[in-house]
Structures are given as structure tokens and as C-alpha cells.
Full PDB file with SEQRES, HELIX, SHEET, SSBOND, CRYST1, ORIGX, SCALE, CONECT and MASTER records, all heavy atoms in Angstrom:
SEQRES   1 A   42  TRP PHE ARG GLN ALA PRO GLY LYS GLU ARG GLU GLY VAL          
SEQRES   2 A   42  ALA VAL ILE TYR PRO ASN GLY ARG SER THR TYR TYR TYR          
SEQRES   3 A   42  ALA SER VAL LYS GLY ARG PHE THR ILE SER GLN ASP ASN          
SEQRES   4 A   42  ALA GLU ASN                                                  
HELIX    1 AA1 PRO A   18  GLY A   20  5                                   3    
SHEET    1 AA1 2 ALA A  14  ILE A  16  0                                        
SHEET    2 AA1 2 THR A  23  TYR A  25 -1                                        
CRYST1    1.000    1.000    1.000  90.00  90.00  90.00 P 1           1          
ORIGX1      1.000000  0.000000  0.000000        0.00000                         
ORIGX2      0.000000  1.000000  0.000000        0.00000                         
ORIGX3      0.000000  0.000000  1.000000        0.00000                         
SCALE1      1.000000  0.000000  0.000000        0.00000                         
SCALE2      0.000000  1.000000  0.000000        0.00000                         
SCALE3      0.000000  0.000000  1.000000        0.00000                         
ATOM      1  N   TRP A   1     -60.674-161.045-123.862  1.00  0.00           N  
ATOM      2  CA  TRP A   1     -61.478-160.731-125.014  1.00  0.00           C  
ATOM      3  C   TRP A   1     -61.158-161.703-126.155  1.00  0.00           C  
ATOM      4  O   TRP A   1     -59.970-162.024-126.354  1.00  0.00           O  
ATOM      5  CB  TRP A   1     -61.233-159.289-125.557  1.00  0.00           C  
ATOM      6  CG  TRP A   1     -61.925-158.213-124.726  1.00  0.00           C  
ATOM      7  CD1 TRP A   1     -61.333-157.471-123.761  1.00  0.00           C  
ATOM      8  CD2 TRP A   1     -63.241-157.779-124.855  1.00  0.00           C  
ATOM      9  NE1 TRP A   1     -62.235-156.601-123.233  1.00  0.00           N  
ATOM     10  CE2 TRP A   1     -63.450-156.760-123.926  1.00  0.00           C  
ATOM     11  CE3 TRP A   1     -64.316-158.133-125.710  1.00  0.00           C  
ATOM     12  CZ2 TRP A   1     -64.690-156.066-123.751  1.00  0.00           C  
ATOM     13  CZ3 TRP A   1     -65.487-157.463-125.531  1.00  0.00           C  
ATOM     14  CH2 TRP A   1     -65.707-156.486-124.563  1.00  0.00           C  
ATOM     15  N   PHE A   2     -62.140-162.199-126.750  1.00  0.00           N  
ATOM     16  CA  PHE A   2     -61.964-163.202-127.910  1.00  0.00           C  
ATOM     17  C   PHE A   2     -62.884-162.752-129.013  1.00  0.00           C  
ATOM     18  O   PHE A   2     -63.752-161.930-128.812  1.00  0.00           O  
ATOM     19  CB  PHE A   2     -62.388-164.614-127.369  1.00  0.00           C  
ATOM     20  CG  PHE A   2     -61.521-165.116-126.183  1.00  0.00           C  
ATOM     21  CD1 PHE A   2     -61.847-164.750-124.928  1.00  0.00           C  
ATOM     22  CD2 PHE A   2     -60.435-165.865-126.454  1.00  0.00           C  
ATOM     23  CE1 PHE A   2     -61.080-165.152-123.877  1.00  0.00           C  
ATOM     24  CE2 PHE A   2     -59.619-166.334-125.425  1.00  0.00           C  
ATOM     25  CZ  PHE A   2     -60.000-165.921-124.101  1.00  0.00           C  
ATOM     26  N   ARG A   3     -62.594-163.242-130.200  1.00  0.00           N  
ATOM     27  CA  ARG A   3     -63.416-162.943-131.343  1.00  0.00           C  
ATOM     28  C   ARG A   3     -63.550-164.147-132.242  1.00  0.00           C  
ATOM     29  O   ARG A   3     -62.772-165.015-132.257  1.00  0.00           O  
ATOM     30  CB  ARG A   3     -62.808-161.727-132.098  1.00  0.00           C  
ATOM     31  CG  ARG A   3     -61.462-162.055-132.749  1.00  0.00           C  
ATOM     32  CD  ARG A   3     -60.858-160.814-133.379  1.00  0.00           C  
ATOM     33  NE  ARG A   3     -59.603-161.047-134.099  1.00  0.00           N  
ATOM     34  CZ  ARG A   3     -58.864-160.114-134.595  1.00  0.00           C  
ATOM     35  NH1 ARG A   3     -59.236-158.811-134.497  1.00  0.00           N  
ATOM     36  NH2 ARG A   3     -57.729-160.394-135.214  1.00  0.00           N  
ATOM     37  N   GLN A   4     -64.658-164.124-133.032  1.00  0.00           N  
ATOM     38  CA  GLN A   4     -64.953-165.180-133.902  1.00  0.00           C  
ATOM     39  C   GLN A   4     -65.616-164.671-135.178  1.00  0.00           C  
ATOM     40  O   GLN A   4     -66.639-163.998-135.119  1.00  0.00           O  
ATOM     41  CB  GLN A   4     -65.880-166.251-133.276  1.00  0.00           C  
ATOM     42  CG  GLN A   4     -66.029-167.481-134.072  1.00  0.00           C  
ATOM     43  CD  GLN A   4     -66.704-168.641-133.316  1.00  0.00           C  
ATOM     44  OE1 GLN A   4     -67.340-168.371-132.311  1.00  0.00           O  
ATOM     45  NE2 GLN A   4     -66.437-169.827-133.764  1.00  0.00           N  
ATOM     46  N   ALA A   5     -64.992-164.937-136.317  1.00  0.00           N  
ATOM     47  CA  ALA A   5     -65.580-164.621-137.570  1.00  0.00           C  
ATOM     48  C   ALA A   5     -66.397-165.750-138.127  1.00  0.00           C  
ATOM     49  O   ALA A   5     -66.075-166.932-137.789  1.00  0.00           O  
ATOM     50  CB  ALA A   5     -64.531-164.176-138.601  1.00  0.00           C  
ATOM     51  N   PRO A   6     -67.392-165.548-138.988  1.00  0.00           N  
ATOM     52  CA  PRO A   6     -68.208-166.643-139.497  1.00  0.00           C  
ATOM     53  C   PRO A   6     -67.301-167.754-140.175  1.00  0.00           C  
ATOM     54  O   PRO A   6     -66.424-167.413-140.952  1.00  0.00           O  
ATOM     55  CB  PRO A   6     -69.052-166.001-140.557  1.00  0.00           C  
ATOM     56  CG  PRO A   6     -69.238-164.590-140.076  1.00  0.00           C  
ATOM     57  CD  PRO A   6     -67.867-164.247-139.492  1.00  0.00           C  
ATOM     58  N   GLY A   7     -67.552-168.996-139.811  1.00  0.00           N  
ATOM     59  CA  GLY A   7     -66.782-170.079-140.371  1.00  0.00           C  
ATOM     60  C   GLY A   7     -65.420-170.265-139.831  1.00  0.00           C  
ATOM     61  O   GLY A   7     -64.693-171.189-140.281  1.00  0.00           O  
ATOM     62  N   LYS A   8     -65.011-169.480-138.875  1.00  0.00           N  
ATOM     63  CA  LYS A   8     -63.682-169.598-138.289  1.00  0.00           C  
ATOM     64  C   LYS A   8     -63.718-169.927-136.810  1.00  0.00           C  
ATOM     65  O   LYS A   8     -64.757-169.740-136.137  1.00  0.00           O  
ATOM     66  CB  LYS A   8     -62.912-168.292-138.498  1.00  0.00           C  
ATOM     67  CG  LYS A   8     -62.614-167.968-139.956  1.00  0.00           C  
ATOM     68  CD  LYS A   8     -61.662-166.789-140.123  1.00  0.00           C  
ATOM     69  CE  LYS A   8     -61.380-166.554-141.583  1.00  0.00           C  
ATOM     70  NZ  LYS A   8     -60.442-165.374-141.733  1.00  0.00           N  
ATOM     71  N   GLU A   9     -62.659-170.388-136.295  1.00  0.00           N  
ATOM     72  CA  GLU A   9     -62.534-170.706-134.848  1.00  0.00           C  
ATOM     73  C   GLU A   9     -62.428-169.466-134.040  1.00  0.00           C  
ATOM     74  O   GLU A   9     -61.896-168.454-134.524  1.00  0.00           O  
ATOM     75  CB  GLU A   9     -61.367-171.642-134.549  1.00  0.00           C  
ATOM     76  CG  GLU A   9     -61.476-173.037-135.215  1.00  0.00           C  
ATOM     77  CD  GLU A   9     -60.277-173.937-134.857  1.00  0.00           C  
ATOM     78  OE1 GLU A   9     -59.300-173.401-134.255  1.00  0.00           O  
ATOM     79  OE2 GLU A   9     -60.350-175.120-135.168  1.00  0.00           O  
ATOM     80  N   ARG A  10     -62.885-169.536-132.753  1.00  0.00           N  
ATOM     81  CA  ARG A  10     -62.746-168.412-131.876  1.00  0.00           C  
ATOM     82  C   ARG A  10     -61.243-168.272-131.568  1.00  0.00           C  
ATOM     83  O   ARG A  10     -60.531-169.222-131.343  1.00  0.00           O  
ATOM     84  CB  ARG A  10     -63.539-168.671-130.610  1.00  0.00           C  
ATOM     85  CG  ARG A  10     -63.707-167.460-129.688  1.00  0.00           C  
ATOM     86  CD  ARG A  10     -64.758-167.707-128.594  1.00  0.00           C  
ATOM     87  NE  ARG A  10     -66.090-167.928-129.269  1.00  0.00           N  
ATOM     88  CZ  ARG A  10     -67.208-168.050-128.582  1.00  0.00           C  
ATOM     89  NH1 ARG A  10     -67.139-168.099-127.233  1.00  0.00           N  
ATOM     90  NH2 ARG A  10     -68.343-168.273-129.236  1.00  0.00           N  
ATOM     91  N   GLU A  11     -60.793-167.026-131.521  1.00  0.00           N  
ATOM     92  CA  GLU A  11     -59.377-166.783-131.250  1.00  0.00           C  
ATOM     93  C   GLU A  11     -59.231-165.680-130.177  1.00  0.00           C  
ATOM     94  O   GLU A  11     -60.081-164.852-129.979  1.00  0.00           O  
ATOM     95  CB  GLU A  11     -58.705-166.283-132.516  1.00  0.00           C  
ATOM     96  CG  GLU A  11     -59.180-164.979-133.078  1.00  0.00           C  
ATOM     97  CD  GLU A  11     -58.356-164.558-134.309  1.00  0.00           C  
ATOM     98  OE1 GLU A  11     -57.468-165.289-134.754  1.00  0.00           O  
ATOM     99  OE2 GLU A  11     -58.654-163.448-134.843  1.00  0.00           O  
ATOM    100  N   GLY A  12     -58.098-165.779-129.522  1.00  0.00           N  
ATOM    101  CA  GLY A  12     -57.820-164.821-128.452  1.00  0.00           C  
ATOM    102  C   GLY A  12     -57.452-163.421-128.978  1.00  0.00           C  
ATOM    103  O   GLY A  12     -56.933-163.279-130.028  1.00  0.00           O  
ATOM    104  N   VAL A  13     -57.835-162.410-128.228  1.00  0.00           N  
ATOM    105  CA  VAL A  13     -57.567-161.023-128.557  1.00  0.00           C  
ATOM    106  C   VAL A  13     -56.604-160.400-127.488  1.00  0.00           C  
ATOM    107  O   VAL A  13     -55.508-159.956-127.800  1.00  0.00           O  
ATOM    108  CB  VAL A  13     -58.850-160.158-128.731  1.00  0.00           C  
ATOM    109  CG1 VAL A  13     -58.487-158.738-128.978  1.00  0.00           C  
ATOM    110  CG2 VAL A  13     -59.731-160.714-129.853  1.00  0.00           C  
ATOM    111  N   ALA A  14     -57.088-160.452-126.291  1.00  0.00           N  
ATOM    112  CA  ALA A  14     -56.296-159.807-125.172  1.00  0.00           C  
ATOM    113  C   ALA A  14     -56.750-160.420-123.821  1.00  0.00           C  
ATOM    114  O   ALA A  14     -57.905-160.810-123.701  1.00  0.00           O  
ATOM    115  CB  ALA A  14     -56.442-158.325-125.156  1.00  0.00           C  
ATOM    116  N   VAL A  15     -55.848-160.396-122.864  1.00  0.00           N  
ATOM    117  CA  VAL A  15     -56.140-160.916-121.563  1.00  0.00           C  
ATOM    118  C   VAL A  15     -55.603-159.910-120.559  1.00  0.00           C  
ATOM    119  O   VAL A  15     -54.535-159.387-120.657  1.00  0.00           O  
ATOM    120  CB  VAL A  15     -55.473-162.289-121.354  1.00  0.00           C  
ATOM    121  CG1 VAL A  15     -55.574-162.734-119.853  1.00  0.00           C  
ATOM    122  CG2 VAL A  15     -56.082-163.358-122.241  1.00  0.00           C  
ATOM    123  N   ILE A  16     -56.374-159.725-119.483  1.00  0.00           N  
ATOM    124  CA  ILE A  16     -55.885-159.012-118.292  1.00  0.00           C  
ATOM    125  C   ILE A  16     -55.905-159.866-117.081  1.00  0.00           C  
ATOM    126  O   ILE A  16     -56.920-160.528-116.809  1.00  0.00           O  
ATOM    127  CB  ILE A  16     -56.678-157.646-118.112  1.00  0.00           C  
ATOM    128  CG1 ILE A  16     -56.035-156.815-116.984  1.00  0.00           C  
ATOM    129  CG2 ILE A  16     -58.178-157.941-117.835  1.00  0.00           C  
ATOM    130  CD1 ILE A  16     -56.508-155.355-117.031  1.00  0.00           C  
ATOM    131  N   TYR A  17     -54.852-159.917-116.324  1.00  0.00           N  
ATOM    132  CA  TYR A  17     -54.734-160.813-115.165  1.00  0.00           C  
ATOM    133  C   TYR A  17     -55.329-160.172-113.961  1.00  0.00           C  
ATOM    134  O   TYR A  17     -55.585-158.966-113.921  1.00  0.00           O  
ATOM    135  CB  TYR A  17     -53.230-161.169-114.992  1.00  0.00           C  
ATOM    136  CG  TYR A  17     -52.741-162.193-115.931  1.00  0.00           C  
ATOM    137  CD1 TYR A  17     -52.364-161.778-117.260  1.00  0.00           C  
ATOM    138  CD2 TYR A  17     -52.678-163.540-115.616  1.00  0.00           C  
ATOM    139  CE1 TYR A  17     -51.923-162.760-118.129  1.00  0.00           C  
ATOM    140  CE2 TYR A  17     -52.258-164.480-116.511  1.00  0.00           C  
ATOM    141  CZ  TYR A  17     -51.865-164.071-117.767  1.00  0.00           C  
ATOM    142  OH  TYR A  17     -51.415-164.993-118.699  1.00  0.00           O  
ATOM    143  N   PRO A  18     -55.531-160.954-112.901  1.00  0.00           N  
ATOM    144  CA  PRO A  18     -56.161-160.409-111.635  1.00  0.00           C  
ATOM    145  C   PRO A  18     -55.510-159.172-111.127  1.00  0.00           C  
ATOM    146  O   PRO A  18     -54.262-159.043-111.144  1.00  0.00           O  
ATOM    147  CB  PRO A  18     -55.981-161.561-110.623  1.00  0.00           C  
ATOM    148  CG  PRO A  18     -56.040-162.808-111.511  1.00  0.00           C  
ATOM    149  CD  PRO A  18     -55.310-162.410-112.775  1.00  0.00           C  
ATOM    150  N   ASN A  19     -56.323-158.190-110.778  1.00  0.00           N  
ATOM    151  CA  ASN A  19     -55.901-156.931-110.274  1.00  0.00           C  
ATOM    152  C   ASN A  19     -55.029-156.127-111.270  1.00  0.00           C  
ATOM    153  O   ASN A  19     -54.306-155.235-110.863  1.00  0.00           O  
ATOM    154  CB  ASN A  19     -55.104-157.098-108.958  1.00  0.00           C  
ATOM    155  CG  ASN A  19     -55.947-157.721-107.888  1.00  0.00           C  
ATOM    156  OD1 ASN A  19     -57.099-157.270-107.656  1.00  0.00           O  
ATOM    157  ND2 ASN A  19     -55.424-158.769-107.185  1.00  0.00           N  
ATOM    158  N   GLY A  20     -55.152-156.461-112.506  1.00  0.00           N  
ATOM    159  CA  GLY A  20     -54.424-155.797-113.567  1.00  0.00           C  
ATOM    160  C   GLY A  20     -52.946-155.952-113.473  1.00  0.00           C  
ATOM    161  O   GLY A  20     -52.169-155.070-113.953  1.00  0.00           O  
ATOM    162  N   ARG A  21     -52.462-157.026-112.904  1.00  0.00           N  
ATOM    163  CA  ARG A  21     -51.064-157.240-112.658  1.00  0.00           C  
ATOM    164  C   ARG A  21     -50.251-157.299-113.963  1.00  0.00           C  
ATOM    165  O   ARG A  21     -49.056-156.905-114.042  1.00  0.00           O  
ATOM    166  CB  ARG A  21     -50.753-158.528-111.831  1.00  0.00           C  
ATOM    167  CG  ARG A  21     -51.241-158.419-110.390  1.00  0.00           C  
ATOM    168  CD  ARG A  21     -51.000-159.729-109.708  1.00  0.00           C  
ATOM    169  NE  ARG A  21     -51.751-160.811-110.315  1.00  0.00           N  
ATOM    170  CZ  ARG A  21     -51.688-162.102-109.901  1.00  0.00           C  
ATOM    171  NH1 ARG A  21     -50.830-162.447-108.934  1.00  0.00           N  
ATOM    172  NH2 ARG A  21     -52.429-163.004-110.510  1.00  0.00           N  
ATOM    173  N   SER A  22     -50.888-157.782-115.023  1.00  0.00           N  
ATOM    174  CA  SER A  22     -50.238-157.858-116.306  1.00  0.00           C  
ATOM    175  C   SER A  22     -51.307-158.037-117.406  1.00  0.00           C  
ATOM    176  O   SER A  22     -52.461-158.367-117.075  1.00  0.00           O  
ATOM    177  CB  SER A  22     -49.220-158.991-116.397  1.00  0.00           C  
ATOM    178  OG  SER A  22     -49.831-160.269-116.243  1.00  0.00           O  
ATOM    179  N   THR A  23     -50.889-157.828-118.632  1.00  0.00           N  
ATOM    180  CA  THR A  23     -51.743-158.050-119.757  1.00  0.00           C  
ATOM    181  C   THR A  23     -51.039-158.841-120.769  1.00  0.00           C  
ATOM    182  O   THR A  23     -49.826-158.917-120.828  1.00  0.00           O  
ATOM    183  CB  THR A  23     -52.233-156.703-120.368  1.00  0.00           C  
ATOM    184  OG1 THR A  23     -51.091-155.945-120.756  1.00  0.00           O  
ATOM    185  CG2 THR A  23     -53.059-155.882-119.367  1.00  0.00           C  
ATOM    186  N   TYR A  24     -51.841-159.451-121.690  1.00  0.00           N  
ATOM    187  CA  TYR A  24     -51.272-160.169-122.813  1.00  0.00           C  
ATOM    188  C   TYR A  24     -52.089-159.865-124.086  1.00  0.00           C  
ATOM    189  O   TYR A  24     -53.267-159.820-124.045  1.00  0.00           O  
ATOM    190  CB  TYR A  24     -51.346-161.668-122.510  1.00  0.00           C  
ATOM    191  CG  TYR A  24     -50.785-162.519-123.668  1.00  0.00           C  
ATOM    192  CD1 TYR A  24     -49.418-162.787-123.711  1.00  0.00           C  
ATOM    193  CD2 TYR A  24     -51.592-162.992-124.675  1.00  0.00           C  
ATOM    194  CE1 TYR A  24     -48.916-163.513-124.795  1.00  0.00           C  
ATOM    195  CE2 TYR A  24     -51.103-163.746-125.715  1.00  0.00           C  
ATOM    196  CZ  TYR A  24     -49.718-164.016-125.752  1.00  0.00           C  
ATOM    197  OH  TYR A  24     -49.203-164.744-126.784  1.00  0.00           O  
ATOM    198  N   TYR A  25     -51.388-159.621-125.165  1.00  0.00           N  
ATOM    199  CA  TYR A  25     -51.979-159.332-126.442  1.00  0.00           C  
ATOM    200  C   TYR A  25     -51.563-160.336-127.435  1.00  0.00           C  
ATOM    201  O   TYR A  25     -50.393-160.621-127.561  1.00  0.00           O  
ATOM    202  CB  TYR A  25     -51.664-157.930-126.918  1.00  0.00           C  
ATOM    203  CG  TYR A  25     -52.127-156.832-125.984  1.00  0.00           C  
ATOM    204  CD1 TYR A  25     -51.294-156.322-125.008  1.00  0.00           C  
ATOM    205  CD2 TYR A  25     -53.476-156.383-126.098  1.00  0.00           C  
ATOM    206  CE1 TYR A  25     -51.777-155.366-124.159  1.00  0.00           C  
ATOM    207  CE2 TYR A  25     -53.857-155.385-125.205  1.00  0.00           C  
ATOM    208  CZ  TYR A  25     -53.070-154.892-124.254  1.00  0.00           C  
ATOM    209  OH  TYR A  25     -53.533-153.893-123.393  1.00  0.00           O  
ATOM    210  N   TYR A  26     -52.512-160.898-128.179  1.00  0.00           N  
ATOM    211  CA  TYR A  26     -52.216-161.825-129.214  1.00  0.00           C  
ATOM    212  C   TYR A  26     -51.676-161.072-130.444  1.00  0.00           C  
ATOM    213  O   TYR A  26     -51.934-159.854-130.592  1.00  0.00           O  
ATOM    214  CB  TYR A  26     -53.505-162.601-129.597  1.00  0.00           C  
ATOM    215  CG  TYR A  26     -53.851-163.580-128.545  1.00  0.00           C  
ATOM    216  CD1 TYR A  26     -54.584-163.159-127.371  1.00  0.00           C  
ATOM    217  CD2 TYR A  26     -53.513-164.973-128.597  1.00  0.00           C  
ATOM    218  CE1 TYR A  26     -54.934-164.063-126.384  1.00  0.00           C  
ATOM    219  CE2 TYR A  26     -53.832-165.821-127.607  1.00  0.00           C  
ATOM    220  CZ  TYR A  26     -54.526-165.381-126.486  1.00  0.00           C  
ATOM    221  OH  TYR A  26     -54.935-166.280-125.488  1.00  0.00           O  
ATOM    222  N   ALA A  27     -50.872-161.776-131.199  1.00  0.00           N  
ATOM    223  CA  ALA A  27     -50.081-161.090-132.196  1.00  0.00           C  
ATOM    224  C   ALA A  27     -50.859-160.234-133.208  1.00  0.00           C  
ATOM    225  O   ALA A  27     -50.386-159.153-133.597  1.00  0.00           O  
ATOM    226  CB  ALA A  27     -49.218-162.110-132.956  1.00  0.00           C  
ATOM    227  N   SER A  28     -52.067-160.671-133.539  1.00  0.00           N  
ATOM    228  CA  SER A  28     -52.806-159.951-134.588  1.00  0.00           C  
ATOM    229  C   SER A  28     -53.268-158.588-134.136  1.00  0.00           C  
ATOM    230  O   SER A  28     -53.594-157.754-135.038  1.00  0.00           O  
ATOM    231  CB  SER A  28     -53.983-160.811-134.959  1.00  0.00           C  
ATOM    232  OG  SER A  28     -54.883-161.018-133.886  1.00  0.00           O  
ATOM    233  N   VAL A  29     -53.303-158.291-132.848  1.00  0.00           N  
ATOM    234  CA  VAL A  29     -53.774-156.973-132.394  1.00  0.00           C  
ATOM    235  C   VAL A  29     -52.835-156.229-131.577  1.00  0.00           C  
ATOM    236  O   VAL A  29     -53.035-155.084-131.177  1.00  0.00           O  
ATOM    237  CB  VAL A  29     -55.076-157.173-131.533  1.00  0.00           C  
ATOM    238  CG1 VAL A  29     -56.140-157.994-132.255  1.00  0.00           C  
ATOM    239  CG2 VAL A  29     -54.768-157.829-130.165  1.00  0.00           C  
ATOM    240  N   LYS A  30     -51.590-156.773-131.317  1.00  0.00           N  
ATOM    241  CA  LYS A  30     -50.611-156.158-130.503  1.00  0.00           C  
ATOM    242  C   LYS A  30     -50.174-154.839-131.126  1.00  0.00           C  
ATOM    243  O   LYS A  30     -49.927-154.698-132.318  1.00  0.00           O  
ATOM    244  CB  LYS A  30     -49.376-157.055-130.345  1.00  0.00           C  
ATOM    245  CG  LYS A  30     -48.426-156.669-129.260  1.00  0.00           C  
ATOM    246  CD  LYS A  30     -47.378-157.733-129.071  1.00  0.00           C  
ATOM    247  CE  LYS A  30     -46.477-157.344-127.871  1.00  0.00           C  
ATOM    248  NZ  LYS A  30     -45.491-158.456-127.632  1.00  0.00           N  
ATOM    249  N   GLY A  31     -50.176-153.797-130.257  1.00  0.00           N  
ATOM    250  CA  GLY A  31     -49.840-152.443-130.693  1.00  0.00           C  
ATOM    251  C   GLY A  31     -51.040-151.631-131.147  1.00  0.00           C  
ATOM    252  O   GLY A  31     -50.919-150.415-131.383  1.00  0.00           O  
ATOM    253  N   ARG A  32     -52.175-152.267-131.336  1.00  0.00           N  
ATOM    254  CA  ARG A  32     -53.359-151.593-131.811  1.00  0.00           C  
ATOM    255  C   ARG A  32     -54.494-151.559-130.798  1.00  0.00           C  
ATOM    256  O   ARG A  32     -55.253-150.641-130.718  1.00  0.00           O  
ATOM    257  CB  ARG A  32     -53.927-152.169-133.102  1.00  0.00           C  
ATOM    258  CG  ARG A  32     -52.909-152.131-134.252  1.00  0.00           C  
ATOM    259  CD  ARG A  32     -53.527-152.602-135.553  1.00  0.00           C  
ATOM    260  NE  ARG A  32     -53.962-154.007-135.456  1.00  0.00           N  
ATOM    261  CZ  ARG A  32     -55.214-154.434-135.712  1.00  0.00           C  
ATOM    262  NH1 ARG A  32     -56.176-153.606-135.987  1.00  0.00           N  
ATOM    263  NH2 ARG A  32     -55.517-155.738-135.617  1.00  0.00           N  
ATOM    264  N   PHE A  33     -54.628-152.630-129.985  1.00  0.00           N  
ATOM    265  CA  PHE A  33     -55.658-152.768-129.014  1.00  0.00           C  
ATOM    266  C   PHE A  33     -55.152-152.657-127.639  1.00  0.00           C  
ATOM    267  O   PHE A  33     -53.959-152.984-127.330  1.00  0.00           O  
ATOM    268  CB  PHE A  33     -56.375-154.110-129.144  1.00  0.00           C  
ATOM    269  CG  PHE A  33     -57.130-154.374-130.394  1.00  0.00           C  
ATOM    270  CD1 PHE A  33     -57.066-153.454-131.414  1.00  0.00           C  
ATOM    271  CD2 PHE A  33     -57.922-155.472-130.528  1.00  0.00           C  
ATOM    272  CE1 PHE A  33     -57.814-153.670-132.597  1.00  0.00           C  
ATOM    273  CE2 PHE A  33     -58.658-155.672-131.643  1.00  0.00           C  
ATOM    274  CZ  PHE A  33     -58.647-154.804-132.704  1.00  0.00           C  
ATOM    275  N   THR A  34     -55.946-152.158-126.703  1.00  0.00           N  
ATOM    276  CA  THR A  34     -55.606-152.065-125.227  1.00  0.00           C  
ATOM    277  C   THR A  34     -56.727-152.586-124.401  1.00  0.00           C  
ATOM    278  O   THR A  34     -57.826-152.142-124.566  1.00  0.00           O  
ATOM    279  CB  THR A  34     -55.302-150.612-124.895  1.00  0.00           C  
ATOM    280  OG1 THR A  34     -54.199-150.105-125.698  1.00  0.00           O  
ATOM    281  CG2 THR A  34     -54.800-150.505-123.421  1.00  0.00           C  
ATOM    282  N   ILE A  35     -56.403-153.509-123.495  1.00  0.00           N  
ATOM    283  CA  ILE A  35     -57.399-153.992-122.535  1.00  0.00           C  
ATOM    284  C   ILE A  35     -57.154-153.250-121.206  1.00  0.00           C  
ATOM    285  O   ILE A  35     -56.031-153.025-120.775  1.00  0.00           O  
ATOM    286  CB  ILE A  35     -57.277-155.519-122.365  1.00  0.00           C  
ATOM    287  CG1 ILE A  35     -58.393-156.050-121.476  1.00  0.00           C  
ATOM    288  CG2 ILE A  35     -55.885-155.971-121.798  1.00  0.00           C  
ATOM    289  CD1 ILE A  35     -58.541-157.537-121.526  1.00  0.00           C  
ATOM    290  N   SER A  36     -58.241-152.882-120.560  1.00  0.00           N  
ATOM    291  CA  SER A  36     -58.129-152.223-119.298  1.00  0.00           C  
ATOM    292  C   SER A  36     -59.368-152.551-118.378  1.00  0.00           C  
ATOM    293  O   SER A  36     -60.313-153.133-118.860  1.00  0.00           O  
ATOM    294  CB  SER A  36     -58.007-150.718-119.447  1.00  0.00           C  
ATOM    295  OG  SER A  36     -59.163-150.251-120.088  1.00  0.00           O  
ATOM    296  N   GLN A  37     -59.304-152.155-117.120  1.00  0.00           N  
ATOM    297  CA  GLN A  37     -60.400-152.379-116.187  1.00  0.00           C  
ATOM    298  C   GLN A  37     -60.726-151.129-115.416  1.00  0.00           C  
ATOM    299  O   GLN A  37     -59.864-150.319-115.107  1.00  0.00           O  
ATOM    300  CB  GLN A  37     -60.051-153.457-115.150  1.00  0.00           C  
ATOM    301  CG  GLN A  37     -60.052-154.875-115.578  1.00  0.00           C  
ATOM    302  CD  GLN A  37     -59.636-155.882-114.491  1.00  0.00           C  
ATOM    303  OE1 GLN A  37     -58.891-155.536-113.617  1.00  0.00           O  
ATOM    304  NE2 GLN A  37     -60.220-157.067-114.644  1.00  0.00           N  
ATOM    305  N   ASP A  38     -61.997-150.911-115.159  1.00  0.00           N  
ATOM    306  CA  ASP A  38     -62.461-149.913-114.206  1.00  0.00           C  
ATOM    307  C   ASP A  38     -63.096-150.629-113.034  1.00  0.00           C  
ATOM    308  O   ASP A  38     -64.208-151.154-113.165  1.00  0.00           O  
ATOM    309  CB  ASP A  38     -63.478-149.034-114.917  1.00  0.00           C  
ATOM    310  CG  ASP A  38     -63.914-147.863-114.003  1.00  0.00           C  
ATOM    311  OD1 ASP A  38     -63.971-148.000-112.777  1.00  0.00           O  
ATOM    312  OD2 ASP A  38     -64.297-146.762-114.527  1.00  0.00           O  
ATOM    313  N   ASN A  39     -62.351-150.735-111.954  1.00  0.00           N  
ATOM    314  CA  ASN A  39     -62.797-151.533-110.828  1.00  0.00           C  
ATOM    315  C   ASN A  39     -64.093-151.010-110.206  1.00  0.00           C  
ATOM    316  O   ASN A  39     -64.908-151.775-109.691  1.00  0.00           O  
ATOM    317  CB  ASN A  39     -61.714-151.681-109.768  1.00  0.00           C  
ATOM    318  CG  ASN A  39     -60.522-152.477-110.268  1.00  0.00           C  
ATOM    319  OD1 ASN A  39     -60.623-153.333-111.146  1.00  0.00           O  
ATOM    320  ND2 ASN A  39     -59.382-152.198-109.664  1.00  0.00           N  
ATOM    321  N   ALA A  40     -64.202-149.694-110.190  1.00  0.00           N  
ATOM    322  CA  ALA A  40     -65.416-149.093-109.592  1.00  0.00           C  
ATOM    323  C   ALA A  40     -66.659-149.473-110.346  1.00  0.00           C  
ATOM    324  O   ALA A  40     -67.727-149.632-109.732  1.00  0.00           O  
ATOM    325  CB  ALA A  40     -65.270-147.548-109.508  1.00  0.00           C  
ATOM    326  N   GLU A  41     -66.502-149.621-111.621  1.00  0.00           N  
ATOM    327  CA  GLU A  41     -67.707-149.979-112.497  1.00  0.00           C  
ATOM    328  C   GLU A  41     -67.765-151.473-112.764  1.00  0.00           C  
ATOM    329  O   GLU A  41     -68.682-151.937-113.387  1.00  0.00           O  
ATOM    330  CB  GLU A  41     -67.612-149.260-113.800  1.00  0.00           C  
ATOM    331  CG  GLU A  41     -67.699-147.747-113.719  1.00  0.00           C  
ATOM    332  CD  GLU A  41     -69.049-147.288-113.213  1.00  0.00           C  
ATOM    333  OE1 GLU A  41     -70.071-147.956-113.462  1.00  0.00           O  
ATOM    334  OE2 GLU A  41     -69.136-146.225-112.540  1.00  0.00           O  
ATOM    335  N   ASN A  42     -66.730-152.253-112.275  1.00  0.00           N  
ATOM    336  CA  ASN A  42     -66.683-153.679-112.512  1.00  0.00           C  
ATOM    337  C   ASN A  42     -66.809-153.987-114.002  1.00  0.00           C  
ATOM    338  O   ASN A  42     -67.576-154.865-114.430  1.00  0.00           O  
ATOM    339  CB  ASN A  42     -67.804-154.397-111.712  1.00  0.00           C  
ATOM    340  CG  ASN A  42     -67.486-155.846-111.458  1.00  0.00           C  
ATOM    341  OD1 ASN A  42     -66.280-156.195-111.236  1.00  0.00           O  
ATOM    342  ND2 ASN A  42     -68.484-156.733-111.389  1.00  0.00           N  
TER     343      ASN A  42                                                      
MASTER        0    0    0    1    2    0    0    6  342    1    0    4          
END                                                                             
């Protein structure tokens, strides 16, 4: 997940690795946002 505000560069939000092996959160959202997958719904 990435985000971009008007006039600013696109920045990372969160990443989930293949098969949900691990996740990574960028500092600005860590502790507030959660990335997840529903494999059945892709």
C-alpha cells in the first residue's frame, strides 16, 4: 500500500510478503495500520 498527497511524492505505507510470511510498516503508520490478505477472495 502506498499513498500520495497533492504536490508530494508517493510514499510507502505497508507491505505484505508472499504467503503473508512477514509484513513491514513504514514509520508514519506503524502501530496504527494493519495490512492483511484474504486468500479466498484474492
